[in-house]
C-alpha atoms as a PDB file:
ATOM      1  CA  UNK A   1      40.924 -40.354  -0.698  1.00  0.00           C
ATOM      2  CA  UNK A   2      40.523 -38.760   1.855  1.00  0.00           C
ATOM      3  CA  UNK A   3      43.160 -36.316   1.625  1.00  0.00           C
ATOM      4  CA  UNK A   4      41.605 -35.141  -1.655  1.00  0.00           C
ATOM      5  CA  UNK A   5      38.802 -34.619  -0.476  1.00  0.00           C
ATOM      6  CA  UNK A   6      39.688 -32.645   2.011  1.00  0.00           C
ATOM      7  CA  UNK A   7      41.797 -30.478  -0.349  1.00  0.00           C
ATOM      8  CA  UNK A   8      38.987 -30.251  -2.953  1.00  0.00           C
ATOM      9  CA  UNK A   9      36.834 -28.881   0.432  1.00  0.00           C
ATOM     10  CA  UNK A  10      39.704 -26.507   2.023  1.00  0.00           C
ATOM     11  CA  UNK A  11      39.725 -24.953  -1.650  1.00  0.00           C
ATOM     12  CA  UNK A  12      35.873 -24.535  -1.968  1.00  0.00           C
ATOM     13  CA  UNK A  13      36.713 -22.773   1.512  1.00  0.00           C
ATOM     14  CA  UNK A  14      38.774 -20.650   0.085  1.00  0.00           C
ATOM     15  CA  UNK A  15      36.705 -19.678  -2.927  1.00  0.00           C
ATOM     16  CA  UNK A  16      34.039 -19.166  -1.067  1.00  0.00           C
ATOM     17  CA  UNK A  17      35.757 -16.701   1.373  1.00  0.00           C
ATOM     18  CA  UNK A  18      37.300 -14.806  -1.670  1.00  0.00           C
ATOM     19  CA  UNK A  19      33.471 -13.921  -2.883  1.00  0.00           C
ATOM     20  CA  UNK A  20      31.805 -12.983   0.408  1.00  0.00           C
ATOM     21  CA  UNK A  21      35.327 -10.621   0.426  1.00  0.00           C
ATOM     22  CA  UNK A  22      34.322  -9.306  -2.630  1.00  0.00           C
ATOM     23  CA  UNK A  23      30.546  -9.041  -2.146  1.00  0.00           C
ATOM     24  CA  UNK A  24      31.630  -7.042   0.803  1.00  0.00           C
ATOM     25  CA  UNK A  25      33.635  -4.504   0.163  1.00  0.00           C
ATOM     26  CA  UNK A  26      31.270  -3.912  -3.424  1.00  0.00           C
ATOM     27  CA  UNK A  27      28.493  -3.524  -0.960  1.00  0.00           C
ATOM     28  CA  UNK A  28      30.561  -0.599   1.468  1.00  0.00           C
ATOM     29  CA  UNK A  29      31.693   0.549  -2.144  1.00  0.00           C
ATOM     30  CA  UNK A  30      28.251   0.913  -2.985  1.00  0.00           C
ATOM     31  CA  UNK A  31      27.854   3.196   0.186  1.00  0.00           C
ATOM     32  CA  UNK A  32      30.164   5.184  -0.263  1.00  0.00           C
ATOM     33  CA  UNK A  33      29.202   6.310  -3.657  1.00  0.00           C
ATOM     34  CA  UNK A  34      25.780   7.067  -2.187  1.00  0.00           C
ATOM     35  CA  UNK A  35      27.370   9.050   0.336  1.00  0.00           C
ATOM     36  CA  UNK A  36      29.544  11.070  -2.433  1.00  0.00           C
ATOM     37  CA  UNK A  37      26.361  10.730  -4.882  1.00  0.00           C
ATOM     38  CA  UNK A  38      24.329  13.306  -1.967  1.00  0.00           C
ATOM     39  CA  UNK A  39      27.239  15.206  -0.951  1.00  0.00           C
ATOM     40  CA  UNK A  40      27.514  16.260  -4.510  1.00  0.00           C
ATOM     41  CA  UNK A  41      23.617  16.503  -5.797  1.00  0.00           C
ATOM     42  CA  UNK A  42      23.248  18.928  -2.714  1.00  0.00           C
ATOM     43  CA  UNK A  43      26.453  21.324  -3.223  1.00  0.00           C
ATOM     44  CA  UNK A  44      25.250  21.788  -6.449  1.00  0.00           C
ATOM     45  CA  UNK A  45      21.412  22.440  -5.515  1.00  0.00           C
ATOM     46  CA  UNK A  46      18.592  20.666  -6.876  1.00  0.00           C
ATOM     47  CA  UNK A  47      18.044  23.717  -9.363  1.00  0.00           C
ATOM     48  CA  UNK A  48      21.201  22.850 -11.162  1.00  0.00           C
ATOM     49  CA  UNK A  49      21.172  19.275 -11.557  1.00  0.00           C
ATOM     50  CA  UNK A  50      17.410  19.690 -12.868  1.00  0.00           C
ATOM     51  CA  UNK A  51      15.275  17.653  -9.809  1.00  0.00           C
ATOM     52  CA  UNK A  52      13.613  21.085  -8.890  1.00  0.00           C
ATOM     53  CA  UNK A  53      12.399  21.416 -12.534  1.00  0.00           C
ATOM     54  CA  UNK A  54      11.397  18.002 -12.991  1.00  0.00           C
ATOM     55  CA  UNK A  55       9.018  17.892  -9.276  1.00  0.00           C
ATOM     56  CA  UNK A  56       7.639  21.295 -10.509  1.00  0.00           C
ATOM     57  CA  UNK A  57       6.539  19.568 -13.753  1.00  0.00           C
ATOM     58  CA  UNK A  58       5.221  16.645 -12.015  1.00  0.00           C
ATOM     59  CA  UNK A  59       3.434  19.064  -9.941  1.00  0.00           C
ATOM     60  CA  UNK A  60       1.524  20.093 -12.580  1.00  0.00           C
ATOM     61  CA  UNK A  61      -0.008  16.654 -13.778  1.00  0.00           C
ATOM     62  CA  UNK A  62      -1.785  15.578 -10.745  1.00  0.00           C
ATOM     63  CA  UNK A  63      -5.038  13.625 -10.341  1.00  0.00           C
ATOM     64  CA  UNK A  64      -7.181  12.744  -7.814  1.00  0.00           C
ATOM     65  CA  UNK A  65      -6.684   8.923  -8.168  1.00  0.00           C
ATOM     66  CA  UNK A  66      -2.742   9.476  -8.628  1.00  0.00           C
ATOM     67  CA  UNK A  67      -2.423  11.723  -5.364  1.00  0.00           C
ATOM     68  CA  UNK A  68      -5.117   9.603  -3.499  1.00  0.00           C
ATOM     69  CA  UNK A  69      -3.012   6.724  -4.390  1.00  0.00           C
ATOM     70  CA  UNK A  70       0.270   8.760  -3.269  1.00  0.00           C
ATOM     71  CA  UNK A  71      -1.089   9.244  -0.173  1.00  0.00           C
ATOM     72  CA  UNK A  72      -1.842   6.086   0.596  1.00  0.00           C
ATOM     73  CA  UNK A  73       2.304   4.751   0.142  1.00  0.00           C
ATOM     74  CA  UNK A  74       2.644   7.978   1.893  1.00  0.00           C
ATOM     75  CA  UNK A  75       1.202   6.872   5.301  1.00  0.00           C
ATOM     76  CA  UNK A  76       1.615   2.788   4.765  1.00  0.00           C
ATOM     77  CA  UNK A  77       5.066   2.848   3.870  1.00  0.00           C
ATOM     78  CA  UNK A  78       5.636   5.889   6.740  1.00  0.00           C
ATOM     79  CA  UNK A  79       7.861   5.664   9.914  1.00  0.00           C
ATOM     80  CA  UNK A  80       4.885   4.391  12.144  1.00  0.00           C
ATOM     81  CA  UNK A  81       2.940   2.006  10.249  1.00  0.00           C
ATOM     82  CA  UNK A  82       5.664   0.438   8.065  1.00  0.00           C
ATOM     83  CA  UNK A  83       7.033  -1.086  11.154  1.00  0.00           C
ATOM     84  CA  UNK A  84       3.467  -2.353  12.086  1.00  0.00           C
ATOM     85  CA  UNK A  85       3.262  -3.890   8.607  1.00  0.00           C
ATOM     86  CA  UNK A  86       6.489  -5.509   8.292  1.00  0.00           C
ATOM     87  CA  UNK A  87       6.184  -7.246  12.483  1.00  0.00           C
ATOM     88  CA  UNK A  88       2.698  -8.447  11.328  1.00  0.00           C
ATOM     89  CA  UNK A  89       3.978  -9.799   7.813  1.00  0.00           C
ATOM     90  CA  UNK A  90       7.309 -11.659   9.574  1.00  0.00           C
ATOM     91  CA  UNK A  91       4.550 -12.871  12.523  1.00  0.00           C
ATOM     92  CA  UNK A  92       2.687 -14.557   9.498  1.00  0.00           C
ATOM     93  CA  UNK A  93       5.855 -15.925   8.023  1.00  0.00           C
ATOM     94  CA  UNK A  94       7.125 -17.057  11.385  1.00  0.00           C
ATOM     95  CA  UNK A  95       4.196 -19.017  11.857  1.00  0.00           C
ATOM     96  CA  UNK A  96       5.301 -21.097   8.301  1.00  0.00           C
ATOM     97  CA  UNK A  97       8.898 -20.701   8.131  1.00  0.00           C
ATOM     98  CA  UNK A  98      10.936 -19.191  11.154  1.00  0.00           C
ATOM     99  CA  UNK A  99      14.138 -18.648   9.860  1.00  0.00           C
ATOM    100  CA  UNK A 100      12.464 -17.070   6.576  1.00  0.00           C
ATOM    101  CA  UNK A 101      10.668 -14.521   9.249  1.00  0.00           C
ATOM    102  CA  UNK A 102      14.209 -14.047  10.986  1.00  0.00           C
ATOM    103  CA  UNK A 103      16.097 -13.266   7.571  1.00  0.00           C
ATOM    104  CA  UNK A 104      13.359 -10.876   6.118  1.00  0.00           C
ATOM    105  CA  UNK A 105      12.748  -9.180   9.283  1.00  0.00           C
ATOM    106  CA  UNK A 106      16.416  -8.825  10.270  1.00  0.00           C
ATOM    107  CA  UNK A 107      17.353  -7.722   6.778  1.00  0.00           C
ATOM    108  CA  UNK A 108      14.757  -5.443   5.651  1.00  0.00           C
ATOM    109  CA  UNK A 109      15.328  -3.289   8.680  1.00  0.00           C
ATOM    110  CA  UNK A 110      19.053  -3.084   8.568  1.00  0.00           C
ATOM    111  CA  UNK A 111      18.309  -1.958   4.954  1.00  0.00           C
ATOM    112  CA  UNK A 112      15.726   0.384   5.922  1.00  0.00           C
ATOM    113  CA  UNK A 113      17.953   1.699   8.298  1.00  0.00           C
ATOM    114  CA  UNK A 114      20.671   2.253   6.280  1.00  0.00           C
ATOM    115  CA  UNK A 115      19.357   5.549   5.001  1.00  0.00           C
ATOM    116  CA  UNK A 116      19.637   7.307   8.106  1.00  0.00           C
ATOM    117  CA  UNK A 117      23.362   6.983   7.647  1.00  0.00           C
ATOM    118  CA  UNK A 118      22.487   9.560   4.559  1.00  0.00           C
ATOM    119  CA  UNK A 119      20.301  12.065   6.295  1.00  0.00           C
ATOM    120  CA  UNK A 120      22.500  12.295   8.790  1.00  0.00           C
ATOM    121  CA  UNK A 121      25.615  12.922   7.265  1.00  0.00           C
ATOM    122  CA  UNK A 122      24.160  14.671   4.359  1.00  0.00           C
ATOM    123  CA  UNK A 123      21.837  16.945   5.408  1.00  0.00           C
ATOM    124  CA  UNK A 124      19.954  17.710   1.936  1.00  0.00           C
ATOM    125  CA  UNK A 125      16.420  20.564   2.152  1.00  0.00           C
ATOM    126  CA  UNK A 126      13.964  19.033   1.083  1.00  0.00           C
ATOM    127  CA  UNK A 127      12.110  20.408  -2.115  1.00  0.00           C
ATOM    128  CA  UNK A 128      10.553  24.171  -1.058  1.00  0.00           C
ATOM    129  CA  UNK A 129       7.170  23.979  -0.596  1.00  0.00           C
ATOM    130  CA  UNK A 130       5.054  26.327  -2.480  1.00  0.00           C
ATOM    131  CA  UNK A 131       7.651  25.929  -6.004  1.00  0.00           C
ATOM    132  CA  UNK A 132       6.667  22.054  -5.931  1.00  0.00           C
ATOM    133  CA  UNK A 133       3.025  22.222  -4.296  1.00  0.00           C
ATOM    134  CA  UNK A 134       4.192  19.970  -2.022  1.00  0.00           C
ATOM    135  CA  UNK A 135       0.490  17.748  -0.892  1.00  0.00           C
ATOM    136  CA  UNK A 136       2.740  16.453   2.499  1.00  0.00           C
ATOM    137  CA  UNK A 137       4.271  18.662   4.891  1.00  0.00           C
ATOM    138  CA  UNK A 138       7.868  17.560   5.292  1.00  0.00           C
ATOM    139  CA  UNK A 139      10.214  20.943   6.572  1.00  0.00           C
ATOM    140  CA  UNK A 140      13.260  18.778   8.019  1.00  0.00           C
ATOM    141  CA  UNK A 141      17.018  18.508   6.430  1.00  0.00           C
ATOM    142  CA  UNK A 142      16.302  15.101   5.489  1.00  0.00           C
ATOM    143  CA  UNK A 143      15.361  14.837   1.934  1.00  0.00           C
ATOM    144  CA  UNK A 144      18.649  12.626   0.957  1.00  0.00           C
ATOM    145  CA  UNK A 145      17.470   9.834   1.079  1.00  0.00           C
ATOM    146  CA  UNK A 146      13.676   8.312   0.566  1.00  0.00           C
ATOM    147  CA  UNK A 147      13.106   6.978   3.770  1.00  0.00           C
ATOM    148  CA  UNK A 148       9.897   5.297   1.729  1.00  0.00           C
ATOM    149  CA  UNK A 149      11.684   4.309  -1.139  1.00  0.00           C
ATOM    150  CA  UNK A 150      14.354   2.489   1.072  1.00  0.00           C
ATOM    151  CA  UNK A 151      11.623   0.433   3.048  1.00  0.00           C
ATOM    152  CA  UNK A 152      10.346  -1.108   0.006  1.00  0.00           C
ATOM    153  CA  UNK A 153      13.446  -1.855  -1.222  1.00  0.00           C
ATOM    154  CA  UNK A 154      14.817  -3.236   1.340  1.00  0.00           C
ATOM    155  CA  UNK A 155      12.014  -5.640   1.790  1.00  0.00           C
ATOM    156  CA  UNK A 156      12.042  -6.657  -2.539  1.00  0.00           C
ATOM    157  CA  UNK A 157      16.134  -7.453  -1.125  1.00  0.00           C
ATOM    158  CA  UNK A 158      15.850  -8.934   1.832  1.00  0.00           C
ATOM    159  CA  UNK A 159      13.440 -12.056   0.024  1.00  0.00           C
ATOM    160  CA  UNK A 160      15.287 -12.547  -2.519  1.00  0.00           C
ATOM    161  CA  UNK A 161      18.676 -12.817  -0.832  1.00  0.00           C
ATOM    162  CA  UNK A 162      16.239 -14.824   1.676  1.00  0.00           C
ATOM    163  CA  UNK A 163      15.147 -16.801  -1.366  1.00  0.00           C
ATOM    164  CA  UNK A 164      18.937 -16.957  -2.253  1.00  0.00           C
ATOM    165  CA  UNK A 165      20.141 -18.986   0.414  1.00  0.00           C
ATOM    166  CA  UNK A 166      17.352 -20.804   0.670  1.00  0.00           C
ATOM    167  CA  UNK A 167      18.228 -22.264  -2.706  1.00  0.00           C
ATOM    168  CA  UNK A 168      14.902 -20.481  -4.384  1.00  0.00           C
ATOM    169  CA  UNK A 169      14.610 -18.773  -7.519  1.00  0.00           C
ATOM    170  CA  UNK A 170      14.149 -15.185  -7.509  1.00  0.00           C
ATOM    171  CA  UNK A 171      12.185 -14.024 -10.633  1.00  0.00           C
ATOM    172  CA  UNK A 172       8.854 -13.602  -9.329  1.00  0.00           C
ATOM    173  CA  UNK A 173      10.474 -11.470  -7.006  1.00  0.00           C
ATOM    174  CA  UNK A 174      12.470  -9.052  -9.151  1.00  0.00           C
ATOM    175  CA  UNK A 175       9.160  -8.878 -11.358  1.00  0.00           C
ATOM    176  CA  UNK A 176       7.189  -8.025  -8.754  1.00  0.00           C
ATOM    177  CA  UNK A 177       9.063  -6.136  -6.466  1.00  0.00           C
ATOM    178  CA  UNK A 178      11.448  -4.060  -8.550  1.00  0.00           C
ATOM    179  CA  UNK A 179       8.419  -1.815 -10.114  1.00  0.00           C
ATOM    180  CA  UNK A 180       6.429  -1.241  -6.500  1.00  0.00           C
ATOM    181  CA  UNK A 181       9.921   0.002  -5.786  1.00  0.00           C
ATOM    182  CA  UNK A 182       9.520   2.322  -8.497  1.00  0.00           C
ATOM    183  CA  UNK A 183       5.931   3.036  -7.729  1.00  0.00           C
ATOM    184  CA  UNK A 184       7.004   4.693  -3.780  1.00  0.00           C
ATOM    185  CA  UNK A 185       9.721   6.054  -5.368  1.00  0.00           C
ATOM    186  CA  UNK A 186       7.462   7.809  -8.304  1.00  0.00           C
ATOM    187  CA  UNK A 187       4.972   8.538  -5.132  1.00  0.00           C
ATOM    188  CA  UNK A 188       7.120  10.563  -3.587  1.00  0.00           C
ATOM    189  CA  UNK A 189       8.719  12.730  -6.682  1.00  0.00           C
ATOM    190  CA  UNK A 190       4.411  13.325  -6.923  1.00  0.00           C
ATOM    191  CA  UNK A 191       3.917  14.022  -3.150  1.00  0.00           C
ATOM    192  CA  UNK A 192       6.931  16.926  -3.753  1.00  0.00           C
ATOM    193  CA  UNK A 193       8.423  15.957  -0.940  1.00  0.00           C
ATOM    194  CA  UNK A 194      11.616  13.897  -2.667  1.00  0.00           C
ATOM    195  CA  UNK A 195      13.845  14.549  -5.263  1.00  0.00           C
ATOM    196  CA  UNK A 196      15.254  12.271  -7.974  1.00  0.00           C
ATOM    197  CA  UNK A 197      18.745  11.468  -6.417  1.00  0.00           C
ATOM    198  CA  UNK A 198      17.484  10.574  -2.871  1.00  0.00           C
ATOM    199  CA  UNK A 199      14.876   8.216  -4.370  1.00  0.00           C
ATOM    200  CA  UNK A 200      17.773   6.431  -6.648  1.00  0.00           C
ATOM    201  CA  UNK A 201      19.689   6.831  -3.491  1.00  0.00           C
ATOM    202  CA  UNK A 202      17.596   5.135  -1.468  1.00  0.00           C
ATOM    203  CA  UNK A 203      17.686   1.940  -3.602  1.00  0.00           C
ATOM    204  CA  UNK A 204      21.403   1.543  -3.317  1.00  0.00           C
ATOM    205  CA  UNK A 205      22.506   2.181   0.222  1.00  0.00           C
ATOM    206  CA  UNK A 206      19.282  -0.439   0.772  1.00  0.00           C
ATOM    207  CA  UNK A 207      20.380  -3.020  -1.287  1.00  0.00           C
ATOM    208  CA  UNK A 208      24.273  -2.216  -0.325  1.00  0.00           C
ATOM    209  CA  UNK A 209      23.687  -2.591   3.302  1.00  0.00           C
ATOM    210  CA  UNK A 210      21.005  -5.756   2.866  1.00  0.00           C
ATOM    211  CA  UNK A 211      24.526  -7.128   0.623  1.00  0.00           C
ATOM    212  CA  UNK A 212      26.774  -6.911   2.690  1.00  0.00           C
ATOM    213  CA  UNK A 213      24.911  -7.993   5.716  1.00  0.00           C
ATOM    214  CA  UNK A 214      23.979 -10.959   4.276  1.00  0.00           C
ATOM    215  CA  UNK A 215      26.994 -11.668   2.775  1.00  0.00           C
ATOM    216  CA  UNK A 216      28.578 -11.729   6.496  1.00  0.00           C
ATOM    217  CA  UNK A 217      25.749 -13.647   8.284  1.00  0.00           C
ATOM    218  CA  UNK A 218      26.184 -16.416   5.067  1.00  0.00           C
ATOM    219  CA  UNK A 219      27.237 -18.896   6.934  1.00  0.00           C
ATOM    220  CA  UNK A 220      24.795 -19.313   9.757  1.00  0.00           C
ATOM    221  CA  UNK A 221      21.370 -18.466   7.179  1.00  0.00           C
ATOM    222  CA  UNK A 222      23.181 -21.124   5.023  1.00  0.00           C
ATOM    223  CA  UNK A 223      22.354 -23.704   7.300  1.00  0.00           C
ATOM    224  CA  UNK A 224      19.831 -22.264   9.467  1.00  0.00           C
ATOM    225  CA  UNK A 225      17.855 -21.668   6.342  1.00  0.00           C
ATOM    226  CA  UNK A 226      18.485 -25.026   4.573  1.00  0.00           C
ATOM    227  CA  UNK A 227      17.701 -27.055   7.204  1.00  0.00           C
ATOM    228  CA  UNK A 228      14.275 -25.731   7.803  1.00  0.00           C
ATOM    229  CA  UNK A 229      13.755 -25.979   4.122  1.00  0.00           C
ATOM    230  CA  UNK A 230      14.752 -29.832   4.167  1.00  0.00           C
ATOM    231  CA  UNK A 231      12.979 -30.662   7.310  1.00  0.00           C
ATOM    232  CA  UNK A 232       9.353 -29.020   5.516  1.00  0.00           C
ATOM    233  CA  UNK A 233      10.755 -31.070   2.270  1.00  0.00           C
ATOM    234  CA  UNK A 234      10.539 -34.123   4.134  1.00  0.00           C
ATOM    235  CA  UNK A 235       7.759 -33.844   6.438  1.00  0.00           C
ATOM    236  CA  UNK A 236       5.790 -30.929   6.691  1.00  0.00           C
ATOM    237  CA  UNK A 237       3.693 -32.262   9.614  1.00  0.00           C
ATOM    238  CA  UNK A 238       6.998 -32.879  11.388  1.00  0.00           C
ATOM    239  CA  UNK A 239       8.741 -28.994  10.755  1.00  0.00           C
ATOM    240  CA  UNK A 240       7.014 -26.510  13.421  1.00  0.00           C
ATOM    241  CA  UNK A 241       7.754 -29.620  15.889  1.00  0.00           C
ATOM    242  CA  UNK A 242      11.905 -29.711  14.548  1.00  0.00           C
ATOM    243  CA  UNK A 243      12.194 -25.556  14.775  1.00  0.00           C
ATOM    244  CA  UNK A 244      10.672 -25.409  18.265  1.00  0.00           C
ATOM    245  CA  UNK A 245      13.320 -27.948  19.388  1.00  0.00           C
ATOM    246  CA  UNK A 246      15.593 -26.597  17.646  1.00  0.00           C
ATOM    247  CA  UNK A 247      15.706 -22.937  19.572  1.00  0.00           C
ATOM    248  CA  UNK A 248      18.390 -20.940  17.398  1.00  0.00           C
ATOM    249  CA  UNK A 249      21.130 -22.674  19.346  1.00  0.00           C
ATOM    250  CA  UNK A 250      23.566 -22.659  16.418  1.00  0.00           C
END
């Protein structure tokens, strides 16, 4: 009987390992696709892809309310404010679930910073400010992908991945998160600082990088997440004490 159980466990472990390899390969492939897309649209030019015309068209339909919203997103998810927002959010989460705080924070940073690879290698020029009547001054050749959109997408993917590991449903995250990501992406086009493929690619980069890192760290994430969830469900009053004693020694 013992040998049978061991055989079943070995089979499950092998299948799990194979799935992780496939998922990591998928994530890396998506990152490669993102880079290839960037090289392609940059070589073709935004006028030929129709993206410049789209930005110009959007610039003709601005309103004071939408402009205020887009500018707020620009500041709130910018490189100066976004890290503070993430740090505060994870700090609050830390008081309730340390595993979730570390997982969400770490995966979000990974997904957000992944776009720097595209910016460095693709080197795409921003939309011409005069043509699109840009509302924000962005002159560096780092249009592809969008960092603001990547932050929003990475946050959604990080929360979803953390919930999956903890055995929790993710439907609400997708229902709320995906429209928010779309809103952020549209705001970048609205302000005239990005092209359509810039914001689409940021979702690909963020999602692929979060997938790769989450799958690679899955054994640790699974052990840690399920342990803390089990402790919290068994005795919520003892949760903080138990997590403090563990000190992440695994």
